[in-house]
Amino acid sequence: MNQKTEEFGWWIKIVTDAPLYIYYFGTFESYSEALKNQSGYIEDLKEEGNKILNIGIQKCQPKKSMIAVTSSRT
């Protein structure tokens, strides 16, 4: 899933914990189209055992569809 995206448009951004990842799902032609489709992605991630921390819809151009977030906690 860690593919390059390179397409500007509306994206669903979901941040999960355990593991800590940022997922981008898209592109969608409008905010309302992304909003209408986000529940399916949320359910898929929950079924895989992910804990959802944050969900957003934004117009952007992500470089990757999945980003592992590293923490520098000491």
PDB file of N, CA and C in Angstrom:
ATOM      1  N   MET A   1       0.818  -1.201   0.000  1.00  0.00           N
ATOM      2  CA  MET A   1       0.000   0.000   0.000  1.00  0.00           C
ATOM      3  C   MET A   1       0.860   1.262   0.000  1.00  0.00           C
ATOM      4  N   ASN A   2       2.125   1.157   0.222  1.00  0.00           N
ATOM      5  CA  ASN A   2       2.983   2.332   0.310  1.00  0.00           C
ATOM      6  C   ASN A   2       3.380   2.819  -1.080  1.00  0.00           C
ATOM      7  N   GLN A   3       2.383   3.112  -1.907  1.00  0.00           N
ATOM      8  CA  GLN A   3       2.620   3.523  -3.286  1.00  0.00           C
ATOM      9  C   GLN A   3       2.719   5.042  -3.378  1.00  0.00           C
ATOM     10  N   LYS A   4       3.358   5.499  -4.441  1.00  0.00           N
ATOM     11  CA  LYS A   4       3.383   6.931  -4.724  1.00  0.00           C
ATOM     12  C   LYS A   4       2.032   7.325  -5.309  1.00  0.00           C
ATOM     13  N   THR A   5       1.580   8.543  -4.997  1.00  0.00           N
ATOM     14  CA  THR A   5       0.275   8.967  -5.477  1.00  0.00           C
ATOM     15  C   THR A   5       0.381  10.042  -6.549  1.00  0.00           C
ATOM     16  N   GLU A   6       1.071  11.127  -6.242  1.00  0.00           N
ATOM     17  CA  GLU A   6       1.358  12.187  -7.210  1.00  0.00           C
ATOM     18  C   GLU A   6       0.138  12.863  -7.843  1.00  0.00           C
ATOM     19  N   GLU A   7      -1.083  12.670  -7.319  1.00  0.00           N
ATOM     20  CA  GLU A   7      -2.246  13.288  -7.935  1.00  0.00           C
ATOM     21  C   GLU A   7      -2.880  14.296  -6.988  1.00  0.00           C
ATOM     22  N   PHE A   8      -3.079  15.524  -7.465  1.00  0.00           N
ATOM     23  CA  PHE A   8      -3.678  16.577  -6.661  1.00  0.00           C
ATOM     24  C   PHE A   8      -5.204  16.446  -6.718  1.00  0.00           C
ATOM     25  N   GLY A   9      -5.826  16.540  -5.567  1.00  0.00           N
ATOM     26  CA  GLY A   9      -7.282  16.451  -5.488  1.00  0.00           C
ATOM     27  C   GLY A   9      -7.716  16.299  -4.043  1.00  0.00           C
ATOM     28  N   TRP A  10      -8.934  15.842  -3.838  1.00  0.00           N
ATOM     29  CA  TRP A  10      -9.475  15.633  -2.501  1.00  0.00           C
ATOM     30  C   TRP A  10      -9.078  14.246  -2.006  1.00  0.00           C
ATOM     31  N   TRP A  11      -8.533  14.192  -0.791  1.00  0.00           N
ATOM     32  CA  TRP A  11      -8.041  12.958  -0.195  1.00  0.00           C
ATOM     33  C   TRP A  11      -8.607  12.793   1.205  1.00  0.00           C
ATOM     34  N   ILE A  12      -8.861  11.537   1.575  1.00  0.00           N
ATOM     35  CA  ILE A  12      -9.227  11.207   2.946  1.00  0.00           C
ATOM     36  C   ILE A  12      -7.923  10.887   3.665  1.00  0.00           C
ATOM     37  N   LYS A  13      -7.691  11.561   4.787  1.00  0.00           N
ATOM     38  CA  LYS A  13      -6.484  11.330   5.580  1.00  0.00           C
ATOM     39  C   LYS A  13      -6.915  10.701   6.902  1.00  0.00           C
ATOM     40  N   ILE A  14      -6.395   9.501   7.179  1.00  0.00           N
ATOM     41  CA  ILE A  14      -6.734   8.800   8.415  1.00  0.00           C
ATOM     42  C   ILE A  14      -5.440   8.481   9.158  1.00  0.00           C
ATOM     43  N   VAL A  15      -5.387   8.894  10.435  1.00  0.00           N
ATOM     44  CA  VAL A  15      -4.226   8.632  11.283  1.00  0.00           C
ATOM     45  C   VAL A  15      -4.607   7.519  12.253  1.00  0.00           C
ATOM     46  N   THR A  16      -3.765   6.494  12.321  1.00  0.00           N
ATOM     47  CA  THR A  16      -4.018   5.374  13.220  1.00  0.00           C
ATOM     48  C   THR A  16      -2.917   5.271  14.269  1.00  0.00           C
ATOM     49  N   ASP A  17      -3.266   4.598  15.363  1.00  0.00           N
ATOM     50  CA  ASP A  17      -2.313   4.332  16.435  1.00  0.00           C
ATOM     51  C   ASP A  17      -2.221   2.823  16.593  1.00  0.00           C
ATOM     52  N   ALA A  18      -1.061   2.337  16.877  1.00  0.00           N
ATOM     53  CA  ALA A  18      -0.818   0.902  17.094  1.00  0.00           C
ATOM     54  C   ALA A  18      -1.164   0.092  15.862  1.00  0.00           C
ATOM     55  N   PRO A  19      -0.487   0.229  14.769  1.00  0.00           N
ATOM     56  CA  PRO A  19       0.706   1.050  14.543  1.00  0.00           C
ATOM     57  C   PRO A  19       0.349   2.485  14.174  1.00  0.00           C
ATOM     58  N   LEU A  20       1.308   3.381  14.378  1.00  0.00           N
ATOM     59  CA  LEU A  20       1.119   4.794  14.079  1.00  0.00           C
ATOM     60  C   LEU A  20       1.421   5.047  12.600  1.00  0.00           C
ATOM     61  N   TYR A  21       0.349   5.235  11.836  1.00  0.00           N
ATOM     62  CA  TYR A  21       0.461   5.473  10.396  1.00  0.00           C
ATOM     63  C   TYR A  21      -0.455   6.609   9.975  1.00  0.00           C
ATOM     64  N   ILE A  22      -0.111   7.226   8.864  1.00  0.00           N
ATOM     65  CA  ILE A  22      -0.992   8.170   8.181  1.00  0.00           C
ATOM     66  C   ILE A  22      -1.344   7.532   6.844  1.00  0.00           C
ATOM     67  N   TYR A  23      -2.646   7.367   6.607  1.00  0.00           N
ATOM     68  CA  TYR A  23      -3.131   6.790   5.352  1.00  0.00           C
ATOM     69  C   TYR A  23      -3.815   7.872   4.540  1.00  0.00           C
ATOM     70  N   TYR A  24      -3.599   7.853   3.234  1.00  0.00           N
ATOM     71  CA  TYR A  24      -4.306   8.735   2.305  1.00  0.00           C
ATOM     72  C   TYR A  24      -5.088   7.874   1.322  1.00  0.00           C
ATOM     73  N   PHE A  25      -6.385   8.157   1.199  1.00  0.00           N
ATOM     74  CA  PHE A  25      -7.245   7.449   0.253  1.00  0.00           C
ATOM     75  C   PHE A  25      -7.851   8.468  -0.695  1.00  0.00           C
ATOM     76  N   GLY A  26      -7.719   8.245  -1.982  1.00  0.00           N
ATOM     77  CA  GLY A  26      -8.257   9.177  -2.951  1.00  0.00           C
ATOM     78  C   GLY A  26      -7.751   8.815  -4.333  1.00  0.00           C
ATOM     79  N   THR A  27      -7.909   9.626  -5.259  1.00  0.00           N
ATOM     80  CA  THR A  27      -8.424  11.000  -5.167  1.00  0.00           C
ATOM     81  C   THR A  27      -9.922  11.009  -5.449  1.00  0.00           C
ATOM     82  N   PHE A  28     -10.538  12.072  -4.927  1.00  0.00           N
ATOM     83  CA  PHE A  28     -11.957  12.292  -5.150  1.00  0.00           C
ATOM     84  C   PHE A  28     -12.126  13.651  -5.817  1.00  0.00           C
ATOM     85  N   GLU A  29     -13.172  13.790  -6.591  1.00  0.00           N
ATOM     86  CA  GLU A  29     -13.393  15.037  -7.334  1.00  0.00           C
ATOM     87  C   GLU A  29     -13.944  16.154  -6.466  1.00  0.00           C
ATOM     88  N   SER A  30     -14.535  15.809  -5.311  1.00  0.00           N
ATOM     89  CA  SER A  30     -15.093  16.834  -4.438  1.00  0.00           C
ATOM     90  C   SER A  30     -14.990  16.406  -2.982  1.00  0.00           C
ATOM     91  N   TYR A  31     -15.129  17.375  -2.104  1.00  0.00           N
ATOM     92  CA  TYR A  31     -15.141  17.111  -0.674  1.00  0.00           C
ATOM     93  C   TYR A  31     -16.296  16.183  -0.329  1.00  0.00           C
ATOM     94  N   SER A  32     -17.472  16.448  -0.891  1.00  0.00           N
ATOM     95  CA  SER A  32     -18.656  15.644  -0.567  1.00  0.00           C
ATOM     96  C   SER A  32     -18.501  14.197  -1.036  1.00  0.00           C
ATOM     97  N   GLU A  33     -17.827  13.973  -2.158  1.00  0.00           N
ATOM     98  CA  GLU A  33     -17.586  12.613  -2.628  1.00  0.00           C
ATOM     99  C   GLU A  33     -16.663  11.877  -1.658  1.00  0.00           C
ATOM    100  N   ALA A  34     -15.622  12.550  -1.179  1.00  0.00           N
ATOM    101  CA  ALA A  34     -14.707  11.944  -0.213  1.00  0.00           C
ATOM    102  C   ALA A  34     -15.445  11.633   1.093  1.00  0.00           C
ATOM    103  N   LEU A  35     -16.259  12.569   1.550  1.00  0.00           N
ATOM    104  CA  LEU A  35     -17.024  12.373   2.774  1.00  0.00           C
ATOM    105  C   LEU A  35     -17.949  11.166   2.661  1.00  0.00           C
ATOM    106  N   LYS A  36     -18.593  11.025   1.521  1.00  0.00           N
ATOM    107  CA  LYS A  36     -19.516   9.919   1.280  1.00  0.00           C
ATOM    108  C   LYS A  36     -18.801   8.569   1.310  1.00  0.00           C
ATOM    109  N   ASN A  37     -17.530   8.526   0.933  1.00  0.00           N
ATOM    110  CA  ASN A  37     -16.784   7.272   0.825  1.00  0.00           C
ATOM    111  C   ASN A  37     -15.898   6.941   2.027  1.00  0.00           C
ATOM    112  N   GLN A  38     -15.728   7.859   2.959  1.00  0.00           N
ATOM    113  CA  GLN A  38     -14.756   7.642   4.030  1.00  0.00           C
ATOM    114  C   GLN A  38     -15.118   6.498   4.974  1.00  0.00           C
ATOM    115  N   SER A  39     -16.390   6.222   5.193  1.00  0.00           N
ATOM    116  CA  SER A  39     -16.768   5.182   6.157  1.00  0.00           C
ATOM    117  C   SER A  39     -16.239   3.804   5.757  1.00  0.00           C
ATOM    118  N   GLY A  40     -16.171   3.507   4.485  1.00  0.00           N
ATOM    119  CA  GLY A  40     -15.639   2.220   4.044  1.00  0.00           C
ATOM    120  C   GLY A  40     -14.175   2.049   4.400  1.00  0.00           C
ATOM    121  N   TYR A  41     -13.395   3.103   4.239  1.00  0.00           N
ATOM    122  CA  TYR A  41     -11.970   3.037   4.585  1.00  0.00           C
ATOM    123  C   TYR A  41     -11.787   2.911   6.093  1.00  0.00           C
ATOM    124  N   ILE A  42     -12.612   3.628   6.852  1.00  0.00           N
ATOM    125  CA  ILE A  42     -12.544   3.559   8.308  1.00  0.00           C
ATOM    126  C   ILE A  42     -12.849   2.133   8.775  1.00  0.00           C
ATOM    127  N   GLU A  43     -13.900   1.553   8.255  1.00  0.00           N
ATOM    128  CA  GLU A  43     -14.278   0.188   8.630  1.00  0.00           C
ATOM    129  C   GLU A  43     -13.181  -0.811   8.279  1.00  0.00           C
ATOM    130  N   ASP A  44     -12.587  -0.681   7.098  1.00  0.00           N
ATOM    131  CA  ASP A  44     -11.502  -1.585   6.699  1.00  0.00           C
ATOM    132  C   ASP A  44     -10.332  -1.515   7.675  1.00  0.00           C
ATOM    133  N   LEU A  45      -9.946  -0.311   8.051  1.00  0.00           N
ATOM    134  CA  LEU A  45      -8.821  -0.157   8.973  1.00  0.00           C
ATOM    135  C   LEU A  45      -9.161  -0.719  10.353  1.00  0.00           C
ATOM    136  N   LYS A  46     -10.384  -0.497  10.811  1.00  0.00           N
ATOM    137  CA  LYS A  46     -10.799  -1.042  12.109  1.00  0.00           C
ATOM    138  C   LYS A  46     -10.814  -2.565  12.081  1.00  0.00           C
ATOM    139  N   GLU A  47     -11.289  -3.143  10.989  1.00  0.00           N
ATOM    140  CA  GLU A  47     -11.319  -4.602  10.858  1.00  0.00           C
ATOM    141  C   GLU A  47      -9.914  -5.196  10.883  1.00  0.00           C
ATOM    142  N   GLU A  48      -8.930  -4.422  10.432  1.00  0.00           N
ATOM    143  CA  GLU A  48      -7.533  -4.869  10.459  1.00  0.00           C
ATOM    144  C   GLU A  48      -6.907  -4.681  11.838  1.00  0.00           C
ATOM    145  N   GLY A  49      -7.672  -4.137  12.802  1.00  0.00           N
ATOM    146  CA  GLY A  49      -7.187  -3.972  14.163  1.00  0.00           C
ATOM    147  C   GLY A  49      -6.571  -2.623  14.472  1.00  0.00           C
ATOM    148  N   ASN A  50      -6.713  -1.665  13.567  1.00  0.00           N
ATOM    149  CA  ASN A  50      -6.151  -0.333  13.799  1.00  0.00           C
ATOM    150  C   ASN A  50      -7.060   0.498  14.694  1.00  0.00           C
ATOM    151  N   LYS A  51      -6.458   1.337  15.520  1.00  0.00           N
ATOM    152  CA  LYS A  51      -7.194   2.304  16.328  1.00  0.00           C
ATOM    153  C   LYS A  51      -7.116   3.645  15.602  1.00  0.00           C
ATOM    154  N   ILE A  52      -8.271   4.215  15.266  1.00  0.00           N
ATOM    155  CA  ILE A  52      -8.321   5.486  14.536  1.00  0.00           C
ATOM    156  C   ILE A  52      -8.116   6.647  15.500  1.00  0.00           C
ATOM    157  N   LEU A  53      -7.146   7.496  15.208  1.00  0.00           N
ATOM    158  CA  LEU A  53      -6.883   8.682  16.026  1.00  0.00           C
ATOM    159  C   LEU A  53      -7.521   9.936  15.443  1.00  0.00           C
ATOM    160  N   ASN A  54      -7.480  10.056  14.120  1.00  0.00           N
ATOM    161  CA  ASN A  54      -7.941  11.285  13.482  1.00  0.00           C
ATOM    162  C   ASN A  54      -8.362  10.982  12.048  1.00  0.00           C
ATOM    163  N   ILE A  55      -9.406  11.687  11.612  1.00  0.00           N
ATOM    164  CA  ILE A  55      -9.899  11.543  10.243  1.00  0.00           C
ATOM    165  C   ILE A  55     -10.089  12.942   9.673  1.00  0.00           C
ATOM    166  N   GLY A  56      -9.639  13.167   8.460  1.00  0.00           N
ATOM    167  CA  GLY A  56      -9.815  14.460   7.815  1.00  0.00           C
ATOM    168  C   GLY A  56      -9.922  14.309   6.313  1.00  0.00           C
ATOM    169  N   ILE A  57     -10.458  15.334   5.706  1.00  0.00           N
ATOM    170  CA  ILE A  57     -10.533  15.387   4.245  1.00  0.00           C
ATOM    171  C   ILE A  57      -9.852  16.669   3.827  1.00  0.00           C
ATOM    172  N   GLN A  58      -8.920  16.569   2.909  1.00  0.00           N
ATOM    173  CA  GLN A  58      -8.194  17.763   2.490  1.00  0.00           C
ATOM    174  C   GLN A  58      -7.838  17.699   1.020  1.00  0.00           C
ATOM    175  N   LYS A  59      -7.653  18.858   0.465  1.00  0.00           N
ATOM    176  CA  LYS A  59      -7.204  18.965  -0.920  1.00  0.00           C
ATOM    177  C   LYS A  59      -5.678  19.044  -0.870  1.00  0.00           C
ATOM    178  N   CYS A  60      -5.045  18.029  -1.447  1.00  0.00           N
ATOM    179  CA  CYS A  60      -3.588  17.960  -1.351  1.00  0.00           C
ATOM    180  C   CYS A  60      -3.045  17.045  -2.438  1.00  0.00           C
ATOM    181  N   GLN A  61      -1.765  16.778  -2.344  1.00  0.00           N
ATOM    182  CA  GLN A  61      -1.079  15.898  -3.279  1.00  0.00           C
ATOM    183  C   GLN A  61      -0.068  15.071  -2.478  1.00  0.00           C
ATOM    184  N   PRO A  62      -0.549  14.043  -1.767  1.00  0.00           N
ATOM    185  CA  PRO A  62       0.388  13.256  -0.946  1.00  0.00           C
ATOM    186  C   PRO A  62       1.400  12.513  -1.814  1.00  0.00           C
ATOM    187  N   LYS A  63       2.601  12.383  -1.290  1.00  0.00           N
ATOM    188  CA  LYS A  63       3.654  11.686  -2.025  1.00  0.00           C
ATOM    189  C   LYS A  63       3.514  10.174  -1.908  1.00  0.00           C
ATOM    190  N   LYS A  64       2.909   9.689  -0.823  1.00  0.00           N
ATOM    191  CA  LYS A  64       2.704   8.255  -0.607  1.00  0.00           C
ATOM    192  C   LYS A  64       1.306   8.039  -0.038  1.00  0.00           C
ATOM    193  N   SER A  65       0.757   6.857  -0.254  1.00  0.00           N
ATOM    194  CA  SER A  65      -0.573   6.555   0.266  1.00  0.00           C
ATOM    195  C   SER A  65      -0.534   6.093   1.720  1.00  0.00           C
ATOM    196  N   MET A  66       0.642   5.689   2.224  1.00  0.00           N
ATOM    197  CA  MET A  66       0.780   5.284   3.617  1.00  0.00           C
ATOM    198  C   MET A  66       2.136   5.743   4.125  1.00  0.00           C
ATOM    199  N   ILE A  67       2.133   6.379   5.283  1.00  0.00           N
ATOM    200  CA  ILE A  67       3.359   6.891   5.860  1.00  0.00           C
ATOM    201  C   ILE A  67       3.480   6.358   7.278  1.00  0.00           C
ATOM    202  N   ALA A  68       4.567   5.677   7.589  1.00  0.00           N
ATOM    203  CA  ALA A  68       4.844   5.224   8.944  1.00  0.00           C
ATOM    204  C   ALA A  68       5.391   6.420   9.725  1.00  0.00           C
ATOM    205  N   VAL A  69       4.819   6.678  10.874  1.00  0.00           N
ATOM    206  CA  VAL A  69       5.247   7.812  11.691  1.00  0.00           C
ATOM    207  C   VAL A  69       6.147   7.284  12.778  1.00  0.00           C
ATOM    208  N   THR A  70       7.351   7.838  12.846  1.00  0.00           N
ATOM    209  CA  THR A  70       8.276   7.426  13.895  1.00  0.00           C
ATOM    210  C   THR A  70       8.249   8.453  14.998  1.00  0.00           C
ATOM    211  N   SER A  71       8.406   7.994  16.190  1.00  0.00           N
ATOM    212  CA  SER A  71       8.371   8.866  17.365  1.00  0.00           C
ATOM    213  C   SER A  71       9.745   8.902  17.979  1.00  0.00           C
ATOM    214  N   SER A  72      10.112  10.068  18.478  1.00  0.00           N
ATOM    215  CA  SER A  72      11.413  10.206  19.142  1.00  0.00           C
ATOM    216  C   SER A  72      11.209  10.346  20.650  1.00  0.00           C
ATOM    217  N   ARG A  73      10.282   9.569  21.206  1.00  0.00           N
ATOM    218  CA  ARG A  73      10.041   9.587  22.649  1.00  0.00           C
ATOM    219  C   ARG A  73      11.250   9.003  23.366  1.00  0.00           C
ATOM    220  N   THR A  74      11.647   9.664  24.436  1.00  0.00           N
ATOM    221  CA  THR A  74      12.776   9.156  25.227  1.00  0.00           C
ATOM    222  C   THR A  74      12.407   9.028  26.665  1.00  0.00           C
TER     223      THR A  74
END
